[in-house]
Amino acid sequence: MKINPIFKVRKVAGENIILLQGKTSGDMTRVVAFNESALLMWDSLQGKDFTVDDAVAVLVENYDVDEATARTDAGKWVEMIRESGLLLPE
C-alpha cells in the first residue's frame, strides 16, 4: 500500500490534521487528526510502498513498545487511513 501524495498534513491550532473535502456540495468536509505516533508513521512511510510490518517497525524503533502493542496500534492506523481514503488505490 502507498499513501496518496495529494494529501498533506497541516498544523492547525496545535493539531496535525488533514482536511478531506467532500466530492459534491452535499458532502461534508472531514478532518483526520494525527497524534505524535500517527504523524511519525505518516512521515516515515510517505512516498514508500509499505506494509503493516513496516509501520510496526517504525513504532518499535522510535518508542519503548513491544511488538504486539505496536502491531495493534499500527493495524488500527492503517485501517483508519484506508477508511479515510488516504491510500492510493491498489
N, C-alpha and C. Protein backbone atom coordinates (compact mmCIF):
# COMPACT_ATOMS: atom_id res chain seq x y z
N MET A 1 0.84 -1.17 0.00
CA MET A 1 0.00 0.00 0.00
C MET A 1 0.89 1.23 0.00
N LYS A 2 0.29 2.35 -0.40
CA LYS A 2 1.07 3.58 -0.50
C LYS A 2 0.16 4.77 -0.17
N ILE A 3 0.70 5.72 0.58
CA ILE A 3 -0.04 6.93 0.94
C ILE A 3 -0.21 7.79 -0.31
N ASN A 4 -1.42 8.30 -0.51
CA ASN A 4 -1.69 9.16 -1.65
C ASN A 4 -0.98 10.50 -1.43
N PRO A 5 -0.07 10.87 -2.33
CA PRO A 5 0.73 12.09 -2.13
C PRO A 5 -0.05 13.40 -2.23
N ILE A 6 -1.31 13.35 -2.66
CA ILE A 6 -2.07 14.60 -2.75
C ILE A 6 -2.47 15.11 -1.37
N PHE A 7 -2.43 14.25 -0.35
CA PHE A 7 -2.83 14.66 0.99
C PHE A 7 -1.62 15.15 1.78
N LYS A 8 -1.77 16.30 2.40
CA LYS A 8 -0.70 16.91 3.18
C LYS A 8 -1.20 17.16 4.60
N VAL A 9 -0.34 16.87 5.56
CA VAL A 9 -0.66 17.15 6.96
C VAL A 9 -0.35 18.63 7.20
N ARG A 10 -1.29 19.29 7.83
CA ARG A 10 -1.13 20.70 8.20
C ARG A 10 -1.24 20.83 9.71
N LYS A 11 -0.50 21.74 10.27
CA LYS A 11 -0.60 22.01 11.71
C LYS A 11 -1.55 23.19 11.88
N VAL A 12 -2.67 22.96 12.55
CA VAL A 12 -3.68 23.99 12.77
C VAL A 12 -4.02 23.99 14.25
N ALA A 13 -3.83 25.12 14.89
CA ALA A 13 -4.14 25.28 16.32
C ALA A 13 -3.49 24.17 17.15
N GLY A 14 -2.25 23.84 16.79
CA GLY A 14 -1.50 22.84 17.55
C GLY A 14 -1.85 21.40 17.22
N GLU A 15 -2.76 21.17 16.29
CA GLU A 15 -3.17 19.81 15.89
C GLU A 15 -2.64 19.51 14.50
N ASN A 16 -2.21 18.25 14.28
CA ASN A 16 -1.77 17.78 12.97
C ASN A 16 -2.98 17.19 12.27
N ILE A 17 -3.44 17.84 11.19
CA ILE A 17 -4.68 17.41 10.54
C ILE A 17 -4.53 17.32 9.03
N ILE A 18 -5.45 16.55 8.45
CA ILE A 18 -5.65 16.51 7.01
C ILE A 18 -7.12 16.82 6.79
N LEU A 19 -7.42 17.77 5.91
CA LEU A 19 -8.80 18.09 5.56
C LEU A 19 -9.18 17.29 4.32
N LEU A 20 -10.27 16.56 4.41
CA LEU A 20 -10.77 15.78 3.28
C LEU A 20 -12.02 16.47 2.77
N GLN A 21 -11.91 17.09 1.61
CA GLN A 21 -13.03 17.82 1.04
C GLN A 21 -14.07 16.85 0.48
N GLY A 22 -15.34 17.19 0.64
CA GLY A 22 -16.42 16.39 0.05
C GLY A 22 -16.36 16.51 -1.46
N LYS A 23 -16.84 15.47 -2.15
CA LYS A 23 -16.78 15.44 -3.61
C LYS A 23 -17.85 16.33 -4.24
N THR A 24 -18.99 16.48 -3.55
CA THR A 24 -20.06 17.33 -4.07
C THR A 24 -20.46 18.32 -3.00
N SER A 25 -21.29 19.25 -3.36
CA SER A 25 -21.69 20.28 -2.40
C SER A 25 -22.45 19.69 -1.22
N GLY A 26 -23.07 18.53 -1.39
CA GLY A 26 -23.80 17.90 -0.29
C GLY A 26 -22.92 17.11 0.66
N ASP A 27 -21.70 16.81 0.24
CA ASP A 27 -20.77 16.06 1.10
C ASP A 27 -20.15 17.00 2.13
N MET A 28 -19.88 16.46 3.28
CA MET A 28 -19.26 17.24 4.34
C MET A 28 -17.74 17.11 4.26
N THR A 29 -17.07 18.16 4.66
CA THR A 29 -15.62 18.11 4.80
C THR A 29 -15.30 17.34 6.07
N ARG A 30 -14.36 16.43 5.99
CA ARG A 30 -13.95 15.65 7.17
C ARG A 30 -12.54 16.06 7.55
N VAL A 31 -12.25 15.91 8.83
CA VAL A 31 -10.93 16.21 9.35
C VAL A 31 -10.35 14.93 9.94
N VAL A 32 -9.13 14.62 9.55
CA VAL A 32 -8.40 13.49 10.14
C VAL A 32 -7.28 14.11 10.97
N ALA A 33 -7.26 13.80 12.26
CA ALA A 33 -6.24 14.33 13.15
C ALA A 33 -5.25 13.23 13.51
N PHE A 34 -3.98 13.59 13.54
CA PHE A 34 -2.91 12.64 13.87
C PHE A 34 -2.27 13.02 15.20
N ASN A 35 -2.10 12.03 16.06
CA ASN A 35 -1.29 12.25 17.26
C ASN A 35 0.18 12.09 16.85
N GLU A 36 1.08 12.18 17.82
CA GLU A 36 2.52 12.15 17.53
C GLU A 36 2.95 10.86 16.83
N SER A 37 2.48 9.71 17.31
CA SER A 37 2.92 8.45 16.70
C SER A 37 2.29 8.24 15.32
N ALA A 38 1.05 8.68 15.12
CA ALA A 38 0.42 8.57 13.80
C ALA A 38 1.16 9.45 12.80
N LEU A 39 1.56 10.64 13.23
CA LEU A 39 2.31 11.54 12.35
C LEU A 39 3.68 10.95 12.02
N LEU A 40 4.31 10.32 12.99
CA LEU A 40 5.61 9.69 12.75
C LEU A 40 5.49 8.60 11.68
N MET A 41 4.47 7.75 11.78
CA MET A 41 4.28 6.71 10.77
C MET A 41 4.00 7.34 9.41
N TRP A 42 3.15 8.37 9.37
CA TRP A 42 2.83 9.06 8.12
C TRP A 42 4.11 9.60 7.47
N ASP A 43 4.89 10.34 8.25
CA ASP A 43 6.12 10.93 7.71
C ASP A 43 7.14 9.88 7.30
N SER A 44 7.26 8.81 8.07
CA SER A 44 8.25 7.76 7.79
C SER A 44 7.89 6.91 6.58
N LEU A 45 6.61 6.74 6.32
CA LEU A 45 6.17 5.81 5.27
C LEU A 45 5.71 6.51 4.00
N GLN A 46 5.57 7.82 4.04
CA GLN A 46 5.11 8.55 2.87
C GLN A 46 6.12 8.39 1.73
N GLY A 47 5.59 8.17 0.53
CA GLY A 47 6.44 8.02 -0.65
C GLY A 47 7.00 6.62 -0.83
N LYS A 48 6.62 5.70 0.06
CA LYS A 48 7.12 4.33 0.01
C LYS A 48 5.95 3.36 -0.12
N ASP A 49 6.21 2.24 -0.75
CA ASP A 49 5.27 1.13 -0.73
C ASP A 49 5.52 0.42 0.60
N PHE A 50 4.51 0.31 1.46
CA PHE A 50 4.73 -0.23 2.79
C PHE A 50 3.67 -1.25 3.18
N THR A 51 3.99 -1.98 4.23
CA THR A 51 3.08 -2.97 4.81
C THR A 51 2.84 -2.60 6.28
N VAL A 52 1.92 -3.31 6.90
CA VAL A 52 1.71 -3.12 8.34
C VAL A 52 3.00 -3.40 9.09
N ASP A 53 3.77 -4.39 8.64
CA ASP A 53 5.05 -4.70 9.29
C ASP A 53 5.99 -3.50 9.28
N ASP A 54 5.98 -2.72 8.21
CA ASP A 54 6.82 -1.52 8.14
C ASP A 54 6.36 -0.49 9.16
N ALA A 55 5.06 -0.34 9.32
CA ALA A 55 4.53 0.60 10.32
C ALA A 55 4.87 0.12 11.73
N VAL A 56 4.81 -1.19 11.97
CA VAL A 56 5.19 -1.76 13.26
C VAL A 56 6.65 -1.42 13.55
N ALA A 57 7.51 -1.58 12.55
CA ALA A 57 8.94 -1.31 12.73
C ALA A 57 9.19 0.15 13.11
N VAL A 58 8.44 1.07 12.51
CA VAL A 58 8.59 2.49 12.86
C VAL A 58 8.29 2.70 14.34
N LEU A 59 7.22 2.11 14.82
CA LEU A 59 6.85 2.29 16.23
C LEU A 59 7.87 1.64 17.17
N VAL A 60 8.30 0.42 16.85
CA VAL A 60 9.26 -0.28 17.71
C VAL A 60 10.60 0.45 17.76
N GLU A 61 11.02 1.00 16.62
CA GLU A 61 12.30 1.71 16.56
C GLU A 61 12.27 3.05 17.30
N ASN A 62 11.10 3.66 17.42
CA ASN A 62 11.03 5.01 17.96
C ASN A 62 10.41 5.13 19.34
N TYR A 63 9.78 4.06 19.81
CA TYR A 63 9.12 4.11 21.11
C TYR A 63 9.50 2.86 21.92
N ASP A 64 9.40 2.98 23.20
CA ASP A 64 9.62 1.85 24.10
C ASP A 64 8.33 1.04 24.15
N VAL A 65 8.10 0.24 23.11
CA VAL A 65 6.86 -0.51 22.97
C VAL A 65 7.18 -1.91 22.46
N ASP A 66 6.44 -2.89 22.96
CA ASP A 66 6.66 -4.26 22.48
C ASP A 66 6.00 -4.44 21.11
N GLU A 67 6.43 -5.47 20.41
CA GLU A 67 5.95 -5.67 19.04
C GLU A 67 4.45 -5.93 18.98
N ALA A 68 3.89 -6.65 19.94
CA ALA A 68 2.46 -6.94 19.92
C ALA A 68 1.63 -5.66 20.03
N THR A 69 2.03 -4.77 20.93
CA THR A 69 1.33 -3.50 21.08
C THR A 69 1.50 -2.64 19.84
N ALA A 70 2.72 -2.61 19.30
CA ALA A 70 2.99 -1.84 18.08
C ALA A 70 2.16 -2.39 16.92
N ARG A 71 2.00 -3.70 16.82
CA ARG A 71 1.22 -4.31 15.74
C ARG A 71 -0.25 -3.90 15.85
N THR A 72 -0.78 -3.91 17.06
CA THR A 72 -2.17 -3.49 17.26
C THR A 72 -2.36 -2.04 16.85
N ASP A 73 -1.46 -1.17 17.33
CA ASP A 73 -1.57 0.26 17.02
C ASP A 73 -1.36 0.54 15.53
N ALA A 74 -0.37 -0.10 14.93
CA ALA A 74 -0.10 0.11 13.50
C ALA A 74 -1.27 -0.39 12.66
N GLY A 75 -1.85 -1.51 13.05
CA GLY A 75 -3.01 -2.04 12.33
C GLY A 75 -4.19 -1.08 12.37
N LYS A 76 -4.43 -0.49 13.53
CA LYS A 76 -5.52 0.50 13.66
C LYS A 76 -5.24 1.73 12.81
N TRP A 77 -3.97 2.17 12.79
CA TRP A 77 -3.61 3.34 12.00
C TRP A 77 -3.81 3.06 10.50
N VAL A 78 -3.35 1.91 10.04
CA VAL A 78 -3.51 1.56 8.62
C VAL A 78 -4.98 1.49 8.26
N GLU A 79 -5.79 0.89 9.10
CA GLU A 79 -7.23 0.78 8.83
C GLU A 79 -7.86 2.18 8.78
N MET A 80 -7.46 3.07 9.68
CA MET A 80 -8.01 4.42 9.70
C MET A 80 -7.65 5.18 8.42
N ILE A 81 -6.40 5.10 7.99
CA ILE A 81 -6.05 5.85 6.78
C ILE A 81 -6.67 5.20 5.54
N ARG A 82 -6.85 3.89 5.57
CA ARG A 82 -7.53 3.21 4.45
C ARG A 82 -8.99 3.66 4.38
N GLU A 83 -9.69 3.62 5.51
CA GLU A 83 -11.10 4.01 5.55
C GLU A 83 -11.30 5.48 5.21
N SER A 84 -10.31 6.31 5.50
CA SER A 84 -10.40 7.73 5.21
C SER A 84 -10.05 8.06 3.77
N GLY A 85 -9.61 7.07 3.01
CA GLY A 85 -9.27 7.28 1.60
C GLY A 85 -7.92 7.93 1.39
N LEU A 86 -7.02 7.78 2.34
CA LEU A 86 -5.71 8.42 2.25
C LEU A 86 -4.66 7.56 1.54
N LEU A 87 -5.03 6.33 1.17
CA LEU A 87 -4.11 5.44 0.45
C LEU A 87 -4.43 5.47 -1.04
N LEU A 88 -3.41 5.24 -1.84
CA LEU A 88 -3.63 5.08 -3.28
C LEU A 88 -4.40 3.79 -3.52
N PRO A 89 -5.25 3.76 -4.55
CA PRO A 89 -5.96 2.51 -4.86
C PRO A 89 -4.97 1.40 -5.22
N GLU A 90 -5.28 0.21 -4.81
CA GLU A 90 -4.37 -0.92 -5.09
C GLU A 90 -4.75 -1.60 -6.37
